Amino acid sequence: MSKILDEDLRLVEQSIYLPLVLSVLEYDRKVTEITPFKIKLVYVDLIEHTMLKVQKDLKKINDEMRKLKMKVIRGENDGTFTVYDIYYKGYHEAHRFFNAHLKNNTQKLLSYYLRKDF
């Protein structure tokens, strides 16, 4: 049984998904910059604005985790599952996340951030 409280587990999940969202946005920004759009700046600005929102929320998550003495470290990826080591108030737990589940939740979170201002 997990010793992590449900509200703290939400922080853990956000600390896993938000960096994934940032890596997707960074990749998309690089691709957008080299792709021949007629009005490229609009797309780049949208991606960068979204990245700033995600970074701001990730900083809040990391600050809260620091207060709660929590740490999440990405472990091995066997192609199907990714292991994350979670350190919580002196305890260690290894959680395995299905890669397709990580991708789907990252996509949902990315959609949320792209629509956040509307």
C-alpha atoms as a PDB file:
ATOM      1  CA  MET A   1       0.000   0.000   0.000  1.00  0.00           C
ATOM      2  CA  SER A   2       1.240   3.459  -0.881  1.00  0.00           C
ATOM      3  CA  LYS A   3       2.160   5.854   1.903  1.00  0.00           C
ATOM      4  CA  ILE A   4       1.580   8.852  -0.373  1.00  0.00           C
ATOM      5  CA  LEU A   5      -1.599  10.805   0.312  1.00  0.00           C
ATOM      6  CA  ASP A   6      -3.988  11.313  -2.598  1.00  0.00           C
ATOM      7  CA  GLU A   7      -3.436  15.088  -2.777  1.00  0.00           C
ATOM      8  CA  ASP A   8       0.336  14.551  -2.688  1.00  0.00           C
ATOM      9  CA  LEU A   9       0.050  11.894  -5.388  1.00  0.00           C
ATOM     10  CA  ARG A  10      -1.553  14.554  -7.595  1.00  0.00           C
ATOM     11  CA  LEU A  11       1.607  16.660  -7.139  1.00  0.00           C
ATOM     12  CA  VAL A  12       3.722  13.657  -8.105  1.00  0.00           C
ATOM     13  CA  GLU A  13       1.694  13.090 -11.264  1.00  0.00           C
ATOM     14  CA  GLN A  14       1.924  16.768 -12.214  1.00  0.00           C
ATOM     15  CA  SER A  15       5.692  16.683 -11.647  1.00  0.00           C
ATOM     16  CA  ILE A  16       5.839  13.795 -14.127  1.00  0.00           C
ATOM     17  CA  TYR A  17       3.455  15.117 -16.786  1.00  0.00           C
ATOM     18  CA  LEU A  18       4.442  18.798 -16.914  1.00  0.00           C
ATOM     19  CA  PRO A  19       8.060  18.112 -17.975  1.00  0.00           C
ATOM     20  CA  LEU A  20       6.685  15.803 -20.667  1.00  0.00           C
ATOM     21  CA  VAL A  21       4.419  18.617 -21.889  1.00  0.00           C
ATOM     22  CA  LEU A  22       7.413  20.960 -21.942  1.00  0.00           C
ATOM     23  CA  SER A  23       9.473  18.517 -23.998  1.00  0.00           C
ATOM     24  CA  VAL A  24       6.634  18.168 -26.525  1.00  0.00           C
ATOM     25  CA  LEU A  25       6.293  21.947 -26.771  1.00  0.00           C
ATOM     26  CA  GLU A  26      10.049  22.402 -27.167  1.00  0.00           C
ATOM     27  CA  TYR A  27      10.131  19.859 -29.986  1.00  0.00           C
ATOM     28  CA  ASP A  28       7.123  21.502 -31.659  1.00  0.00           C
ATOM     29  CA  ARG A  29       8.749  24.936 -31.368  1.00  0.00           C
ATOM     30  CA  LYS A  30      11.908  23.701 -33.082  1.00  0.00           C
ATOM     31  CA  VAL A  31       9.906  22.049 -35.870  1.00  0.00           C
ATOM     32  CA  THR A  32       7.736  25.154 -36.301  1.00  0.00           C
ATOM     33  CA  GLU A  33      10.776  27.394 -36.616  1.00  0.00           C
ATOM     34  CA  ILE A  34      12.163  25.394 -39.552  1.00  0.00           C
ATOM     35  CA  THR A  35       8.813  24.754 -41.264  1.00  0.00           C
ATOM     36  CA  PRO A  36       7.861  27.232 -44.013  1.00  0.00           C
ATOM     37  CA  PHE A  37       4.681  28.860 -42.644  1.00  0.00           C
ATOM     38  CA  LYS A  38       3.406  32.116 -44.101  1.00  0.00           C
ATOM     39  CA  ILE A  39       2.899  33.618 -40.632  1.00  0.00           C
ATOM     40  CA  LYS A  40       5.287  31.559 -38.549  1.00  0.00           C
ATOM     41  CA  LEU A  41       5.582  34.018 -35.656  1.00  0.00           C
ATOM     42  CA  VAL A  42       1.997  33.437 -34.516  1.00  0.00           C
ATOM     43  CA  TYR A  43       2.596  29.721 -34.013  1.00  0.00           C
ATOM     44  CA  VAL A  44       5.952  30.209 -32.320  1.00  0.00           C
ATOM     45  CA  ASP A  45       4.436  32.815 -29.981  1.00  0.00           C
ATOM     46  CA  LEU A  46       1.566  30.475 -29.090  1.00  0.00           C
ATOM     47  CA  ILE A  47       3.970  27.655 -28.274  1.00  0.00           C
ATOM     48  CA  GLU A  48       6.286  29.907 -26.241  1.00  0.00           C
ATOM     49  CA  HIS A  49       3.361  31.443 -24.336  1.00  0.00           C
ATOM     50  CA  THR A  50       2.097  27.953 -23.519  1.00  0.00           C
ATOM     51  CA  MET A  51       5.584  26.918 -22.408  1.00  0.00           C
ATOM     52  CA  LEU A  52       5.694  29.864 -19.997  1.00  0.00           C
ATOM     53  CA  LYS A  53       2.361  28.814 -18.463  1.00  0.00           C
ATOM     54  CA  VAL A  54       3.567  25.251 -18.020  1.00  0.00           C
ATOM     55  CA  GLN A  55       6.893  26.390 -16.537  1.00  0.00           C
ATOM     56  CA  LYS A  56       5.089  28.639 -14.074  1.00  0.00           C
ATOM     57  CA  ASP A  57       2.850  25.788 -12.914  1.00  0.00           C
ATOM     58  CA  LEU A  58       5.801  23.386 -12.752  1.00  0.00           C
ATOM     59  CA  LYS A  59       7.669  25.814 -10.494  1.00  0.00           C
ATOM     60  CA  LYS A  60       4.679  25.926  -8.130  1.00  0.00           C
ATOM     61  CA  ILE A  61       4.523  22.120  -8.102  1.00  0.00           C
ATOM     62  CA  ASN A  62       8.265  21.815  -7.427  1.00  0.00           C
ATOM     63  CA  ASP A  63       8.117  24.396  -4.617  1.00  0.00           C
ATOM     64  CA  GLU A  64       5.210  22.562  -2.988  1.00  0.00           C
ATOM     65  CA  MET A  65       7.000  19.232  -3.321  1.00  0.00           C
ATOM     66  CA  ARG A  66      10.108  20.705  -1.720  1.00  0.00           C
ATOM     67  CA  LYS A  67       8.014  21.842   1.256  1.00  0.00           C
ATOM     68  CA  LEU A  68       6.572  18.324   1.604  1.00  0.00           C
ATOM     69  CA  LYS A  69      10.035  16.717   1.241  1.00  0.00           C
ATOM     70  CA  MET A  70       9.070  14.941  -1.964  1.00  0.00           C
ATOM     71  CA  LYS A  71      11.236  14.097  -4.931  1.00  0.00           C
ATOM     72  CA  VAL A  72      10.515  12.284  -8.205  1.00  0.00           C
ATOM     73  CA  ILE A  73      13.269  10.768 -10.332  1.00  0.00           C
ATOM     74  CA  ARG A  74      12.687   9.164 -13.699  1.00  0.00           C
ATOM     75  CA  GLY A  75      14.062   5.645 -13.839  1.00  0.00           C
ATOM     76  CA  GLU A  76      14.247   2.985 -16.506  1.00  0.00           C
ATOM     77  CA  ASN A  77      12.110   2.823 -19.618  1.00  0.00           C
ATOM     78  CA  ASP A  78      11.721  -0.635 -21.122  1.00  0.00           C
ATOM     79  CA  GLY A  79       9.660   0.533 -24.092  1.00  0.00           C
ATOM     80  CA  THR A  80       6.340  -0.358 -22.470  1.00  0.00           C
ATOM     81  CA  PHE A  81       6.661   1.023 -18.942  1.00  0.00           C
ATOM     82  CA  THR A  82       8.611   3.862 -17.362  1.00  0.00           C
ATOM     83  CA  VAL A  83       9.614   3.601 -13.716  1.00  0.00           C
ATOM     84  CA  TYR A  84       9.603   6.683 -11.500  1.00  0.00           C
ATOM     85  CA  ASP A  85      11.286   6.628  -8.097  1.00  0.00           C
ATOM     86  CA  ILE A  86       9.307   8.670  -5.596  1.00  0.00           C
ATOM     87  CA  TYR A  87      10.865   9.817  -2.340  1.00  0.00           C
ATOM     88  CA  TYR A  88       8.281  10.987   0.175  1.00  0.00           C
ATOM     89  CA  LYS A  89       9.039  11.987   3.777  1.00  0.00           C
ATOM     90  CA  GLY A  90      11.839   9.467   4.126  1.00  0.00           C
ATOM     91  CA  TYR A  91      10.090   6.678   2.211  1.00  0.00           C
ATOM     92  CA  HIS A  92      10.905   5.378  -1.252  1.00  0.00           C
ATOM     93  CA  GLU A  93       8.372   3.970  -3.707  1.00  0.00           C
ATOM     94  CA  ALA A  94       8.893   2.882  -7.291  1.00  0.00           C
ATOM     95  CA  HIS A  95       5.883   3.433  -9.542  1.00  0.00           C
ATOM     96  CA  ARG A  96       5.577   1.987 -13.049  1.00  0.00           C
ATOM     97  CA  PHE A  97       3.654   4.026 -15.607  1.00  0.00           C
ATOM     98  CA  PHE A  98       2.409   2.547 -18.870  1.00  0.00           C
ATOM     99  CA  ASN A  99       3.989   4.621 -21.676  1.00  0.00           C
ATOM    100  CA  ALA A 100       0.732   4.847 -23.640  1.00  0.00           C
ATOM    101  CA  HIS A 101      -0.947   6.181 -20.491  1.00  0.00           C
ATOM    102  CA  LEU A 102       1.824   8.782 -20.105  1.00  0.00           C
ATOM    103  CA  LYS A 103       1.365   9.829 -23.731  1.00  0.00           C
ATOM    104  CA  ASN A 104      -2.429  10.099 -23.470  1.00  0.00           C
ATOM    105  CA  ASN A 105      -2.334  12.132 -20.269  1.00  0.00           C
ATOM    106  CA  THR A 106       0.392  14.370 -21.674  1.00  0.00           C
ATOM    107  CA  GLN A 107      -1.810  14.987 -24.724  1.00  0.00           C
ATOM    108  CA  LYS A 108      -4.790  15.871 -22.500  1.00  0.00           C
ATOM    109  CA  LEU A 109      -2.678  18.231 -20.424  1.00  0.00           C
ATOM    110  CA  LEU A 110      -1.223  19.846 -23.549  1.00  0.00           C
ATOM    111  CA  SER A 111      -4.747  20.445 -24.880  1.00  0.00           C
ATOM    112  CA  TYR A 112      -5.710  21.984 -21.550  1.00  0.00           C
ATOM    113  CA  TYR A 113      -2.774  24.406 -21.607  1.00  0.00           C
ATOM    114  CA  LEU A 114      -3.317  25.404 -25.217  1.00  0.00           C
ATOM    115  CA  ARG A 115      -6.950  26.276 -24.401  1.00  0.00           C
ATOM    116  CA  LYS A 116      -6.291  27.765 -20.963  1.00  0.00           C
ATOM    117  CA  ASP A 117      -6.662  31.419 -21.990  1.00  0.00           C
ATOM    118  CA  PHE A 118      -9.814  30.946 -24.030  1.00  0.00           C
END
